[in-house]
Amino acid sequence: MNTMNKPVLDNYRFERKFIIPERLTHSIEEVVKSNSALMRIIFPPRFINNIYFDNSRFKFFFENIDGVSERMKTRIRWYGNLKGKIKKPVLEFKQKHGLTGSKTSIDLPSFDLKDIYRPGFLPSLFQNSNLDMRKKDLMLSLTPSLINRYQRKYFLSFDQKFRVTLDNHLKYYPVSSPEQLSSCGLKDSLSMIMELKYSPIYQLESNNITQEFPFRVIKNSKYVRGIQIIYNLGTH
């Protein structure tokens, strides 16, 4: 097959999110696969871990709560085990532009999760990275605000225009001290989150897919939910 002719998901994309009721979590994979877009599993399930960053006033959190159209969140993401040596961490900047979003990723060297509590470690990590000066200055002004973890399953439509992910086993961890990382984390009451991701050029086609799902589209941010759960924040 000529891969040059395959549609790709643009860096600017829509993300439509759905909450899956607990009574349907056991059958959700069949619901996804039976969609007329012919979704298929493209990657083995894996655990995703994130360290989110914010300033002392939780600027990114409140911009999301307030619905600011041009907003950002930043995190370090890795896969596999939560604790111990972090292999292939990636610093991500997720930007929201109205209804679409984009993401910039920068590889970081491996480190141990407990290193984030060592004085000067994170500033040194960012200073020695391939970040441009503007992003370096931004990261030096932020501190870790939340850790979360969940398992993700991946699906892709037959025409490769649409991707679906299923996230469950969501947990949140406070990051104010290394002792808190020893906890089991706080479990999210939401059973499962499904996301449909696609380029804006396929917006009309996406309606055919969502109409076949018996779920309601919602606004959901794992970062916002985690901050609300850990710090009991929600309003100014």
Protein backbone atom coordinates (compact mmCIF):
# COMPACT_ATOMS: atom_id res chain seq x y z
CA MET A 1 0.00 0.00 0.00
CA ASN A 2 1.29 3.46 -0.88
CA THR A 3 1.70 5.21 2.48
CA MET A 4 2.13 8.56 0.73
CA ASN A 5 -1.59 8.54 -0.07
CA LYS A 6 -2.75 7.73 3.46
CA PRO A 7 -4.69 10.44 5.28
CA VAL A 8 -2.97 11.59 8.48
CA LEU A 9 -4.19 13.27 11.63
CA ASP A 10 -3.09 16.89 11.38
CA ASN A 11 -1.29 18.54 14.30
CA TYR A 12 -4.40 20.69 14.65
CA ARG A 13 -7.26 18.42 15.57
CA PHE A 14 -10.63 18.07 17.19
CA GLU A 15 -10.98 15.95 20.32
CA ARG A 16 -14.53 14.93 21.17
CA LYS A 17 -14.91 13.27 24.55
CA PHE A 18 -17.50 10.88 25.94
CA ILE A 19 -18.12 9.43 29.40
CA ILE A 20 -18.79 5.68 29.26
CA PRO A 21 -21.27 4.52 31.93
CA GLU A 22 -19.95 1.74 34.15
CA ARG A 23 -22.66 -0.65 32.95
CA LEU A 24 -21.30 -0.37 29.39
CA THR A 25 -17.56 -0.57 30.03
CA HIS A 26 -17.51 -4.34 29.49
CA SER A 27 -18.98 -3.97 25.99
CA ILE A 28 -17.45 -0.67 24.84
CA GLU A 29 -14.80 -2.29 22.64
CA GLU A 30 -17.50 -4.05 20.64
CA VAL A 31 -19.40 -0.77 20.34
CA VAL A 32 -16.29 0.91 18.92
CA LYS A 33 -15.45 -1.95 16.54
CA SER A 34 -19.03 -2.16 15.25
CA ASN A 35 -19.02 1.48 14.14
CA SER A 36 -19.38 1.93 10.38
CA ALA A 37 -15.93 3.58 10.35
CA LEU A 38 -14.55 0.05 10.89
CA MET A 39 -12.39 0.84 13.92
CA ARG A 40 -9.64 -1.62 14.75
CA ILE A 41 -7.09 -1.92 17.55
CA ILE A 42 -3.75 -0.50 16.42
CA PHE A 43 -1.63 -0.71 19.56
CA PRO A 44 -1.50 -2.84 22.72
CA PRO A 45 -3.04 -1.22 25.82
CA ARG A 46 -0.54 0.68 27.94
CA PHE A 47 -0.41 2.88 31.01
CA ILE A 48 0.16 6.60 30.54
CA ASN A 49 1.72 8.76 33.26
CA ASN A 50 1.81 12.56 33.35
CA ILE A 51 3.39 15.24 35.50
CA TYR A 52 1.41 18.45 34.94
CA PHE A 53 2.84 21.91 35.54
CA ASP A 54 1.17 25.16 36.51
CA ASN A 55 2.02 28.38 38.31
CA SER A 56 1.25 29.17 41.95
CA ARG A 57 -2.13 30.65 40.99
CA PHE A 58 -3.14 27.60 38.89
CA LYS A 59 -3.33 29.74 35.76
CA PHE A 60 -3.79 26.86 33.31
CA PHE A 61 -6.45 25.26 35.51
CA PHE A 62 -8.56 28.40 35.77
CA GLU A 63 -8.19 29.24 32.07
CA ASN A 64 -9.78 25.88 31.33
CA ILE A 65 -12.54 26.42 33.90
CA ASP A 66 -13.24 29.87 32.44
CA GLY A 67 -13.32 28.55 28.87
CA VAL A 68 -10.50 30.79 27.60
CA SER A 69 -10.36 30.07 23.86
CA GLU A 70 -6.57 30.36 23.55
CA ARG A 71 -5.06 28.37 26.40
CA MET A 72 -2.29 25.90 27.19
CA LYS A 73 -1.33 23.06 29.47
CA THR A 74 2.08 21.49 29.80
CA ARG A 75 3.19 18.11 31.09
CA ILE A 76 5.89 15.46 31.08
CA ARG A 77 4.51 12.18 29.74
CA TRP A 78 5.87 8.64 29.80
CA TYR A 79 4.57 5.09 29.47
CA GLY A 80 4.74 2.02 31.68
CA ASN A 81 5.55 2.10 35.38
CA LEU A 82 4.68 5.19 37.38
CA LYS A 83 7.53 5.05 39.88
CA GLY A 84 11.25 4.51 39.53
CA LYS A 85 13.23 5.19 36.37
CA ILE A 86 11.28 7.16 33.78
CA LYS A 87 12.25 5.97 30.31
CA LYS A 88 11.81 8.18 27.25
CA PRO A 89 9.96 11.06 28.96
CA VAL A 90 8.48 13.66 26.64
CA LEU A 91 7.68 17.26 27.51
CA GLU A 92 4.41 18.24 25.83
CA PHE A 93 2.77 21.60 25.26
CA LYS A 94 -0.92 21.22 24.46
CA GLN A 95 -2.52 24.36 23.10
CA LYS A 96 -6.21 25.02 22.59
CA HIS A 97 -7.27 27.23 19.68
CA GLY A 98 -11.01 27.67 19.92
CA LEU A 99 -12.49 24.23 19.23
CA THR A 100 -9.26 22.69 17.92
CA GLY A 101 -6.05 21.76 19.67
CA SER A 102 -2.40 21.18 18.82
CA LYS A 103 0.56 19.60 20.56
CA THR A 104 4.32 20.17 20.56
CA SER A 105 6.58 17.43 21.95
CA ILE A 106 10.22 17.57 23.08
CA ASP A 107 12.20 14.49 24.14
CA LEU A 108 13.85 14.61 27.56
CA PRO A 109 16.60 12.42 29.07
CA SER A 110 15.58 9.63 31.43
CA PHE A 111 15.31 10.40 35.14
CA ASP A 112 13.86 8.98 38.35
CA LEU A 113 10.46 10.24 39.43
CA LYS A 114 11.85 11.22 42.84
CA ASP A 115 14.35 13.52 41.10
CA ILE A 116 11.62 16.14 40.66
CA TYR A 117 11.96 16.88 44.39
CA ARG A 118 15.71 17.49 44.25
CA PRO A 119 16.50 21.23 44.43
CA GLY A 120 17.50 22.53 41.03
CA PHE A 121 16.76 19.31 39.14
CA LEU A 122 13.82 20.49 37.03
CA PRO A 123 15.36 23.89 36.14
CA SER A 124 18.52 22.07 35.04
CA LEU A 125 16.47 19.54 33.06
CA PHE A 126 14.72 22.30 31.13
CA GLN A 127 17.82 24.49 30.72
CA ASN A 128 19.71 21.59 29.12
CA SER A 129 16.85 20.54 26.85
CA ASN A 130 16.18 21.46 23.23
CA LEU A 131 13.50 23.95 24.22
CA ASP A 132 13.53 27.37 22.61
CA MET A 133 14.10 30.31 24.95
CA ARG A 134 10.42 31.20 25.23
CA LYS A 135 9.45 27.68 26.31
CA LYS A 136 12.43 27.47 28.68
CA ASP A 137 11.35 30.68 30.36
CA LEU A 138 7.82 29.33 30.64
CA MET A 139 8.88 26.05 32.23
CA LEU A 140 11.20 27.83 34.66
CA SER A 141 8.18 29.80 35.89
CA LEU A 142 6.11 26.66 36.59
CA THR A 143 6.17 23.88 39.18
CA PRO A 144 4.64 20.37 39.24
CA SER A 145 0.97 20.57 40.17
CA LEU A 146 -0.40 17.06 39.61
CA ILE A 147 0.48 13.52 38.58
CA ASN A 148 -2.07 11.28 36.91
CA ARG A 149 -2.07 7.78 35.49
CA TYR A 150 -4.48 5.73 33.38
CA GLN A 151 -4.62 2.83 30.97
CA ARG A 152 -5.29 3.60 27.30
CA LYS A 153 -6.51 1.47 24.39
CA TYR A 154 -6.10 2.67 20.81
CA PHE A 155 -8.32 2.29 17.74
CA LEU A 156 -8.02 3.64 14.19
CA SER A 157 -10.67 3.86 11.47
CA PHE A 158 -10.24 1.87 8.25
CA ASP A 159 -9.61 5.06 6.27
CA GLN A 160 -7.16 6.27 8.96
CA LYS A 161 -8.97 9.58 9.35
CA PHE A 162 -10.24 8.98 12.88
CA ARG A 163 -8.68 7.68 16.06
CA VAL A 164 -10.52 6.52 19.18
CA THR A 165 -8.90 6.06 22.58
CA LEU A 166 -10.40 4.46 25.69
CA ASP A 167 -9.00 5.54 29.06
CA ASN A 168 -9.77 3.81 32.34
CA HIS A 169 -8.21 3.11 35.77
CA LEU A 170 -7.73 6.87 36.21
CA LYS A 171 -5.81 7.90 39.32
CA TYR A 172 -4.46 11.21 40.60
CA TYR A 173 -1.51 11.92 42.88
CA PRO A 174 -0.57 15.11 44.76
CA VAL A 175 3.02 16.22 44.19
CA SER A 176 3.80 18.44 47.17
CA SER A 177 6.13 15.83 48.75
CA PRO A 178 7.82 12.55 47.71
CA GLU A 179 5.97 10.73 50.49
CA GLN A 180 2.69 11.34 48.67
CA LEU A 181 3.94 9.32 45.71
CA SER A 182 3.92 6.27 47.96
CA SER A 183 0.14 6.48 48.21
CA CYS A 184 -2.21 4.46 46.03
CA GLY A 185 -3.51 7.65 44.45
CA LEU A 186 -7.06 8.95 44.35
CA LYS A 187 -9.30 7.03 41.98
CA ASP A 188 -11.53 8.93 39.56
CA SER A 189 -15.23 8.18 39.90
CA LEU A 190 -15.57 8.25 36.11
CA SER A 191 -15.39 4.66 34.87
CA MET A 192 -14.03 5.32 31.39
CA ILE A 193 -13.41 8.20 28.99
CA MET A 194 -13.58 7.78 25.23
CA GLU A 195 -12.00 10.31 22.88
CA LEU A 196 -12.54 10.69 19.14
CA LYS A 197 -9.67 12.55 17.46
CA TYR A 198 -9.52 13.85 13.90
CA SER A 199 -8.35 16.67 11.66
CA PRO A 200 -10.73 19.64 11.22
CA ILE A 201 -11.07 18.77 7.52
CA TYR A 202 -13.05 15.67 8.55
CA GLN A 203 -15.49 17.51 10.79
CA LEU A 204 -18.58 16.72 8.69
CA GLU A 205 -17.66 13.04 8.43
CA SER A 206 -17.18 12.84 12.19
CA ASN A 207 -20.88 13.43 12.76
CA ASN A 208 -21.65 10.09 11.12
CA ILE A 209 -19.35 8.36 13.60
CA THR A 210 -20.61 10.10 16.74
CA GLN A 211 -24.26 9.50 15.82
CA GLU A 212 -23.63 5.77 16.08
CA PHE A 213 -22.24 6.04 19.61
CA PRO A 214 -24.91 5.87 22.34
CA PHE A 215 -22.98 8.36 24.48
CA ARG A 216 -23.17 12.08 25.10
CA VAL A 217 -20.33 14.40 24.07
CA ILE A 218 -18.97 16.24 27.11
CA LYS A 219 -16.29 18.73 28.06
CA ASN A 220 -13.68 16.90 30.10
CA SER A 221 -10.10 17.59 31.14
CA LYS A 222 -8.15 15.04 33.16
CA TYR A 223 -5.98 17.87 34.46
CA VAL A 224 -8.97 19.88 35.66
CA ARG A 225 -10.59 16.84 37.27
CA GLY A 226 -7.36 15.92 39.01
CA ILE A 227 -6.86 19.41 40.44
CA GLN A 228 -10.48 19.47 41.61
CA ILE A 229 -10.09 16.09 43.29
CA ILE A 230 -6.68 16.76 44.89
CA TYR A 231 -7.07 20.42 45.88
CA ASN A 232 -10.86 20.79 45.94
CA LEU A 233 -10.63 23.73 43.54
CA GLY A 234 -13.33 24.76 41.10
CA THR A 235 -13.97 28.47 41.24
CA HIS A 236 -11.89 31.60 41.80
